[in-house]
Protein backbone atom coordinates (compact mmCIF):
# COMPACT_ATOMS: atom_id res chain seq x y z
CA MET A 1 -25.93 -12.19 -11.58
CA ALA A 2 -22.49 -13.30 -12.20
CA LYS A 3 -21.42 -13.27 -8.65
CA THR A 4 -23.63 -16.10 -7.84
CA HIS A 5 -21.82 -18.27 -10.10
CA ARG A 6 -18.28 -17.80 -8.95
CA ASP A 7 -16.26 -18.38 -5.98
CA PRO A 8 -14.25 -15.36 -4.19
CA ILE A 9 -11.02 -16.20 -6.06
CA GLU A 10 -12.84 -15.89 -9.42
CA ASN A 11 -14.44 -12.60 -8.29
CA LEU A 12 -10.92 -11.38 -7.55
CA LEU A 13 -9.48 -12.31 -10.60
CA THR A 14 -12.10 -10.40 -12.37
CA TYR A 15 -11.98 -7.12 -10.13
CA SER A 16 -8.11 -7.28 -10.50
CA GLY A 17 -8.59 -7.64 -14.30
CA MET A 18 -11.01 -4.82 -14.34
CA ALA A 19 -8.55 -2.58 -12.41
CA MET A 20 -5.70 -3.83 -14.68
CA ASN A 21 -3.42 -4.60 -11.69
CA TRP A 22 -1.42 -7.49 -10.56
CA ILE A 23 -3.14 -8.28 -7.27
CA ALA A 24 -4.86 -11.42 -8.38
CA ASP A 25 -1.52 -12.63 -9.87
CA TYR A 26 0.10 -12.84 -6.60
CA VAL A 27 -2.81 -13.72 -4.53
CA THR A 28 -3.72 -16.75 -6.57
CA ASP A 29 0.12 -17.96 -6.95
CA SER A 30 0.70 -21.07 -4.93
CA SER A 31 4.32 -20.35 -5.32
CA ILE A 32 3.98 -17.12 -3.17
CA LEU A 33 4.70 -17.10 0.51
CA TRP A 34 2.98 -14.29 2.38
CA THR A 35 3.93 -12.78 5.78
CA LYS A 36 2.47 -9.97 7.71
CA GLU A 37 5.18 -7.39 8.71
CA THR A 38 5.86 -3.88 9.95
CA LEU A 39 8.21 -2.36 7.43
CA PRO A 40 9.95 1.07 7.69
CA LEU A 41 8.38 3.38 5.20
CA ASP A 42 11.73 4.48 3.76
CA SER A 43 12.47 0.87 2.68
CA LEU A 44 9.58 0.71 0.25
CA TYR A 45 9.99 1.04 -3.55
CA LEU A 46 6.88 3.17 -4.69
CA THR A 47 5.30 1.96 -7.61
CA GLY A 48 3.09 3.70 -10.41
CA THR A 49 -0.23 5.20 -9.64
CA ARG A 50 -2.10 8.06 -11.30
CA PRO A 51 -0.12 9.97 -14.21
CA GLU A 52 -0.10 13.37 -12.40
CA TRP A 53 1.20 11.60 -9.13
CA ASN A 54 3.83 9.54 -11.35
CA LYS A 55 5.36 12.56 -12.29
CA ILE A 56 6.40 13.32 -8.83
CA ILE A 57 6.83 10.07 -7.31
CA ILE A 58 8.78 8.52 -10.29
CA ASP A 59 10.02 11.31 -12.32
CA LYS A 60 11.15 13.61 -9.59
CA CYS A 61 11.72 11.40 -6.53
CA SER A 62 12.81 8.26 -8.25
CA ARG A 63 10.41 6.15 -6.31
CA SER A 64 12.10 7.11 -2.93
CA PRO A 65 9.71 7.61 0.05
CA ALA A 66 12.57 9.76 1.84
CA LYS A 67 12.74 12.15 -1.41
CA LEU A 68 9.00 12.33 -1.63
CA ARG A 69 8.76 13.11 2.16
CA GLN A 70 11.30 16.00 1.86
CA LEU A 71 9.71 17.37 -1.35
CA ILE A 72 6.15 17.33 0.25
CA ASN A 73 7.52 19.11 3.34
CA SER A 74 9.36 21.72 1.34
CA ASN A 75 7.11 22.32 -1.60
CA PRO A 76 3.33 23.54 -0.80
CA LYS A 77 2.37 22.82 -4.46
CA THR A 78 3.54 19.07 -4.09
CA LYS A 79 1.95 18.97 -0.53
CA ASN A 80 -1.38 20.14 -1.98
CA LEU A 81 -1.11 17.49 -4.91
CA PHE A 82 -1.31 14.76 -2.42
CA LYS A 83 -3.69 16.42 0.06
CA ASP A 84 -6.66 13.91 -0.64
CA ALA A 85 -4.56 10.85 -0.29
CA LYS A 86 -6.59 9.03 2.53
CA TRP A 87 -4.75 6.95 5.21
CA ALA A 88 -6.44 3.79 6.55
CA GLU A 89 -5.23 1.13 8.99
CA ILE A 90 -5.38 -1.49 6.50
CA PRO A 91 -2.07 -3.30 5.46
CA ILE A 92 -0.76 -2.70 2.04
CA LEU A 93 0.48 -5.38 -0.22
CA ILE A 94 4.10 -5.62 -1.12
CA HIS A 95 6.04 -7.98 -3.32
CA PHE A 96 9.71 -8.44 -2.53
CA GLU A 97 11.85 -9.00 -5.55
CA GLU A 98 15.19 -7.89 -6.55
CA GLY A 99 16.03 -6.92 -2.96
CA LYS A 100 13.11 -4.37 -3.07
CA TYR A 101 9.97 -4.00 -1.20
CA LYS A 102 7.68 -3.04 -4.06
CA VAL A 103 4.23 -1.80 -3.30
CA LEU A 104 1.70 -3.93 -4.90
CA ASP A 105 -1.32 -2.46 -3.56
CA GLY A 106 -1.82 0.48 -1.31
CA MET A 107 0.08 3.35 -2.91
CA THR A 108 -2.68 5.97 -1.67
CA ARG A 109 -2.28 4.82 1.77
CA THR A 110 1.42 4.78 1.46
CA ILE A 111 1.48 8.31 0.12
CA ALA A 112 -0.72 9.47 3.10
CA ALA A 113 1.64 7.76 5.54
CA ILE A 114 4.61 9.54 3.90
CA ARG A 115 2.79 12.84 3.97
CA ASP A 116 1.50 12.53 7.51
CA GLY A 117 4.95 11.88 8.88
CA LYS A 118 4.61 8.18 9.89
CA ARG A 119 7.93 6.17 9.81
CA THR A 120 6.40 2.47 9.60
CA ILE A 121 3.65 0.79 7.59
CA ARG A 122 1.97 -2.82 8.14
CA ALA A 123 2.16 -4.99 5.14
CA PHE A 124 1.42 -8.26 3.76
CA VAL A 125 4.78 -9.23 1.91
CA ALA A 126 4.72 -11.73 -0.96
CA ARG A 127 8.01 -13.82 -1.45
CA GLN A 128 8.54 -16.13 -4.29
CA LYS A 129 9.08 -19.64 -2.75
CA GLY A 130 8.87 -21.74 -5.91
CA GLU A 131 11.24 -21.82 -8.93
CA ARG A 132 8.81 -19.72 -11.20
CA PRO A 133 5.43 -17.94 -10.46
CA MET A 134 2.27 -20.06 -10.94
CA PRO A 135 -0.72 -17.57 -10.90
CA SER A 136 -4.13 -18.25 -12.07
CA ILE A 137 -6.14 -16.63 -15.04
CA GLU A 138 -9.65 -15.51 -15.30
CA PRO A 139 -11.85 -18.24 -17.27
CA HIS A 140 -13.32 -15.68 -19.52
CA VAL A 141 -9.83 -15.12 -21.35
CA ILE A 142 -9.98 -18.83 -22.53
CA TYR A 143 -13.81 -18.36 -23.27
CA ASP A 144 -13.06 -15.23 -25.19
CA LEU A 145 -10.69 -17.06 -27.32
CA LEU A 146 -12.81 -20.11 -27.94
CA ARG A 147 -16.00 -17.77 -28.56
CA ALA A 148 -13.99 -15.71 -31.24
CA TYR A 149 -13.34 -19.00 -33.15
CA HIS A 150 -16.68 -20.59 -32.64
CA ARG A 151 -18.49 -17.34 -33.89
CA GLY A 152 -16.33 -17.15 -37.03
CA LEU A 153 -14.48 -13.90 -35.95
CA ASN A 154 -11.20 -15.56 -36.64
CA LYS A 155 -11.02 -19.03 -37.97
CA ASP A 156 -7.49 -19.39 -37.47
CA ARG A 157 -7.18 -22.80 -35.83
CA LYS A 158 -3.53 -23.14 -35.49
CA SER A 159 -3.21 -19.91 -33.79
CA LEU A 160 -6.06 -20.67 -31.36
CA ILE A 161 -4.23 -23.78 -30.48
CA ILE A 162 -0.81 -21.90 -29.93
CA ALA A 163 -2.70 -19.22 -27.94
CA LEU A 164 -4.20 -21.93 -25.68
CA ARG A 165 -0.74 -23.48 -25.25
CA PHE A 166 0.99 -20.32 -24.33
CA LEU A 167 -1.70 -19.90 -21.69
CA ARG A 168 -1.14 -23.38 -20.35
CA LYS A 169 2.54 -22.58 -19.85
CA SER A 170 1.83 -19.16 -18.42
CA TYR A 171 -0.94 -19.86 -15.67
CA ALA A 172 -1.60 -22.79 -13.29
CA ASN A 173 -5.23 -23.24 -13.82
CA VAL A 174 -5.54 -23.40 -17.63
CA ASP A 175 -5.29 -27.19 -17.80
CA ASP A 176 -7.98 -27.63 -15.31
CA LEU A 177 -10.10 -25.09 -17.01
CA LEU A 178 -9.82 -26.55 -20.42
CA LYS A 179 -10.55 -30.10 -19.11
CA ASN A 180 -13.39 -29.22 -16.82
CA ARG A 181 -14.86 -25.82 -17.33
CA PHE A 182 -14.58 -26.16 -21.04
CA SER A 183 -15.32 -29.83 -21.30
CA LYS A 184 -17.94 -31.22 -23.80
CA ALA A 185 -20.65 -31.04 -21.00
CA TRP A 186 -20.31 -27.23 -21.03
CA VAL A 187 -19.10 -26.71 -24.69
CA PRO A 188 -20.65 -29.41 -26.90
CA SER A 189 -18.94 -28.14 -30.16
CA ASP A 190 -17.02 -31.18 -31.44
CA GLU A 191 -14.73 -28.79 -33.33
CA ILE A 192 -13.95 -26.87 -30.15
CA GLN A 193 -13.27 -30.10 -28.22
CA GLU A 194 -10.88 -31.38 -30.79
CA ILE A 195 -9.10 -27.96 -30.59
CA ILE A 196 -8.82 -28.24 -26.79
CA LYS A 197 -7.53 -31.84 -27.06
CA GLU A 198 -4.86 -30.60 -29.43
CA ALA A 199 -3.93 -27.76 -27.08
CA LEU A 200 -3.43 -30.16 -24.20
CA LYS A 201 -1.08 -32.23 -26.02
């Protein structure tokens, strides 16, 4: 039911939020430049995944594909740990920062590629082109704050205004959401509208 009311970007924001990853932050960010590239696997900076894998990837191999490859090839127990990692010809997502190609999405494919002896991987690489990140936020985050106040779960008006101002400074679409998605036509509460007006100052 919810899908019929949202565009693909809002769906992406929702799915990314459910998975608790940063994909939507980068995909919705107008200050990011994306390029499709073929990268040496050993140039990647491996990121976190499931806890039992992280003990090897992060703790033992220091996020290094070369160290991980060596450990997989020399240690049957480690090789067995990653045996179910599936390879697919789908580009992974990378965010390039601090001189590192950090895996944003596709760690399972990356591990499979390392395990299977591949030397390169296709990726969409995100590079910051603006002075600061400008991602979008899920509309429900604002809705949840307003609803808590409206229902009387927390009537701390000052804190709500501060929270809305914090979101305004953090996400590119908050002003538009407050002015349009949460306008009086959609949220007819005079009290809530006064709070939105104050937060927009």
